Amino acid sequence: MSESDSQSRARLRRAARLAAVQALYQMELSGTGAKAVTKEFRDHRFGHEDEPDYIAADEDFFEDLLAGVVRRQDDVDKQIAGHLKQGWKLSRLDATVRAILRSGGYELLVRDDVPASVVINEYVEIAHAFYEGSEPGFVNATLDAFARAVRSGETDSKA
């Protein structure tokens, strides 16, 4: 894969991650299921680079993130909850932060084709898109602890 192909793939995946966070937030607030939200995004939000009103994204990656978070939500939520400060509950977190952590957590748990450092960096950047306060640091710390728990060999070698 050439460098430009790699950059294009990274850009499309970045858009897919952001869309997955938005979709998870939408699902939580509306109670709509993953299939319906996936269809909505594919039909009305994703497009091609020549369509300025739509975003280009890796739609298959988006669908894997969304369906995977739903499928593995209990596992992901337990891991996240295990890395929160004592007395904090996942339900106390802002819905957008929950969506970011769930999507990032799913990637760390299941998508070992993506390096942990890439996953963490991508979701911290997404947090920066939504927040100016301490939330990006919170996302960073939580996903880093999550990665150390589920990918100890990968994270230990880089510590």
Protein backbone atom coordinates (compact mmCIF):
# COMPACT_ATOMS: atom_id res chain seq x y z
CA MET A 1 0.00 0.00 0.00
CA SER A 2 1.44 3.37 -1.01
CA GLU A 3 1.75 6.24 1.44
CA SER A 4 -1.13 8.11 -0.20
CA ASP A 5 -3.30 4.97 -0.04
CA SER A 6 -2.39 4.59 3.62
CA GLN A 7 -3.24 8.23 4.32
CA SER A 8 -6.53 7.89 2.49
CA ARG A 9 -7.41 4.75 4.46
CA ALA A 10 -6.52 6.49 7.74
CA ARG A 11 -8.72 9.48 6.80
CA LEU A 12 -11.66 7.23 5.89
CA ARG A 13 -11.29 5.28 9.13
CA ARG A 14 -11.05 8.50 11.15
CA ALA A 15 -14.38 9.60 9.63
CA ALA A 16 -15.86 6.16 10.36
CA ARG A 17 -14.82 6.42 14.02
CA LEU A 18 -16.36 9.85 14.40
CA ALA A 19 -19.55 8.64 12.72
CA ALA A 20 -19.63 5.57 14.99
CA VAL A 21 -19.43 7.81 18.07
CA GLN A 22 -22.24 9.97 16.69
CA ALA A 23 -24.31 6.90 15.86
CA LEU A 24 -23.80 5.35 19.30
CA TYR A 25 -24.86 8.63 20.90
CA GLN A 26 -27.93 8.74 18.65
CA MET A 27 -28.80 5.14 19.47
CA GLU A 28 -28.55 5.75 23.20
CA LEU A 29 -30.74 8.85 23.13
CA SER A 30 -33.35 7.61 20.66
CA GLY A 31 -33.41 3.90 21.45
CA THR A 32 -32.97 3.15 17.75
CA GLY A 33 -31.19 -0.11 16.89
CA ALA A 34 -27.85 -0.52 15.16
CA LYS A 35 -29.30 -1.78 11.87
CA ALA A 36 -31.60 1.21 11.45
CA VAL A 37 -28.87 3.70 12.38
CA THR A 38 -26.36 2.00 10.08
CA LYS A 39 -28.85 2.24 7.22
CA GLU A 40 -29.51 5.92 8.00
CA PHE A 41 -25.80 6.73 7.93
CA ARG A 42 -25.19 4.75 4.74
CA ASP A 43 -28.20 6.28 2.98
CA HIS A 44 -28.03 9.88 4.21
CA ARG A 45 -24.70 10.77 5.77
CA PHE A 46 -21.97 8.96 3.89
CA GLY A 47 -21.03 9.85 0.38
CA HIS A 48 -18.14 10.14 -1.94
CA GLU A 49 -15.47 12.78 -2.13
CA ASP A 50 -17.30 14.48 -5.00
CA GLU A 51 -20.42 15.01 -2.84
CA PRO A 52 -19.67 18.05 -0.65
CA ASP A 53 -22.69 17.65 1.66
CA TYR A 54 -21.67 14.17 2.73
CA ILE A 55 -18.65 12.71 4.43
CA ALA A 56 -16.52 10.00 2.92
CA ALA A 57 -15.89 7.21 5.41
CA ASP A 58 -14.88 3.57 5.53
CA GLU A 59 -18.47 2.38 5.74
CA ASP A 60 -17.59 -1.26 6.43
CA PHE A 61 -15.32 -0.21 9.30
CA PHE A 62 -18.13 2.04 10.62
CA GLU A 63 -20.58 -0.85 10.48
CA ASP A 64 -18.13 -3.17 12.25
CA LEU A 65 -17.63 -0.61 15.02
CA LEU A 66 -21.33 -0.04 15.52
CA ALA A 67 -22.40 -3.67 15.36
CA GLY A 68 -19.37 -4.74 17.41
CA VAL A 69 -20.04 -2.28 20.22
CA VAL A 70 -23.63 -3.51 20.42
CA ARG A 71 -22.59 -7.16 20.29
CA ARG A 72 -19.79 -6.79 22.87
CA GLN A 73 -21.24 -3.96 24.97
CA ASP A 74 -21.31 -5.94 28.22
CA ASP A 75 -17.62 -6.86 27.88
CA VAL A 76 -16.64 -3.34 26.83
CA ASP A 77 -18.67 -1.70 29.60
CA LYS A 78 -17.17 -3.99 32.26
CA GLN A 79 -13.66 -3.10 31.11
CA ILE A 80 -14.45 0.62 31.08
CA ALA A 81 -16.13 0.47 34.49
CA GLY A 82 -13.10 -1.35 35.86
CA HIS A 83 -10.88 1.60 34.94
CA LEU A 84 -13.01 4.41 36.31
CA LYS A 85 -12.12 6.14 39.57
CA GLN A 86 -13.59 4.52 42.65
CA GLY A 87 -17.17 5.58 43.11
CA TRP A 88 -17.66 6.51 39.45
CA LYS A 89 -20.18 4.66 37.35
CA LEU A 90 -20.36 4.45 33.58
CA SER A 91 -23.93 5.74 33.76
CA ARG A 92 -22.63 8.97 35.36
CA LEU A 93 -20.53 9.82 32.32
CA ASP A 94 -21.75 12.13 29.59
CA ALA A 95 -23.40 10.16 26.76
CA THR A 96 -20.80 11.37 24.25
CA VAL A 97 -17.93 10.26 26.50
CA ARG A 98 -19.64 6.87 26.90
CA ALA A 99 -19.92 6.56 23.11
CA ILE A 100 -16.25 7.47 22.64
CA LEU A 101 -15.11 4.99 25.30
CA ARG A 102 -17.35 2.22 23.98
CA SER A 103 -16.17 2.57 20.41
CA GLY A 104 -12.52 2.85 21.44
CA GLY A 105 -12.93 0.01 23.91
CA TYR A 106 -14.41 -2.24 21.26
CA GLU A 107 -11.47 -1.53 18.95
CA LEU A 108 -8.99 -2.28 21.71
CA LEU A 109 -10.80 -5.47 22.68
CA VAL A 110 -11.44 -6.91 19.22
CA ARG A 111 -9.60 -5.06 16.45
CA ASP A 112 -6.04 -6.17 17.10
CA ASP A 113 -5.25 -5.23 13.49
CA VAL A 114 -5.20 -1.61 14.72
CA PRO A 115 -2.35 -0.70 17.10
CA ALA A 116 -3.47 0.37 20.57
CA SER A 117 -1.63 3.68 20.24
CA VAL A 118 -3.57 4.49 17.06
CA VAL A 119 -6.90 3.63 18.71
CA ILE A 120 -6.15 5.80 21.74
CA ASN A 121 -4.90 8.74 19.68
CA GLU A 122 -7.89 8.64 17.33
CA TYR A 123 -10.46 8.67 20.13
CA VAL A 124 -8.62 11.38 22.06
CA GLU A 125 -8.81 13.50 18.89
CA ILE A 126 -12.54 12.79 18.67
CA ALA A 127 -12.90 13.87 22.30
CA HIS A 128 -11.09 17.12 21.41
CA ALA A 129 -13.68 17.68 18.67
CA PHE A 130 -16.45 17.65 21.28
CA TYR A 131 -14.79 19.02 24.42
CA GLU A 132 -12.38 21.75 25.48
CA GLY A 133 -12.12 20.69 29.15
CA SER A 134 -10.72 17.66 30.88
CA GLU A 135 -12.68 15.05 28.89
CA PRO A 136 -9.95 14.32 26.30
CA GLY A 137 -7.49 13.60 29.12
CA PHE A 138 -10.07 11.39 30.79
CA VAL A 139 -10.61 9.50 27.53
CA ASN A 140 -6.84 9.13 27.12
CA ALA A 141 -6.32 7.79 30.65
CA THR A 142 -9.28 5.42 30.49
CA LEU A 143 -8.42 3.96 27.08
CA ASP A 144 -4.75 3.68 28.04
CA ALA A 145 -5.68 1.66 31.15
CA PHE A 146 -8.10 -0.41 29.05
CA ALA A 147 -5.34 -1.11 26.50
CA ARG A 148 -2.90 -2.16 29.24
CA ALA A 149 -5.48 -4.64 30.50
CA VAL A 150 -6.48 -6.19 27.16
CA ARG A 151 -3.25 -5.75 25.16
CA SER A 152 -0.60 -6.02 27.82
CA GLY A 153 2.04 -7.44 25.46
CA GLU A 154 1.59 -4.60 23.02
CA THR A 155 1.51 -1.80 25.57
CA ASP A 156 4.24 -3.21 27.88
CA SER A 157 6.77 -3.31 25.06
CA LYS A 158 6.20 0.40 24.38
CA ALA A 159 6.20 1.59 27.98
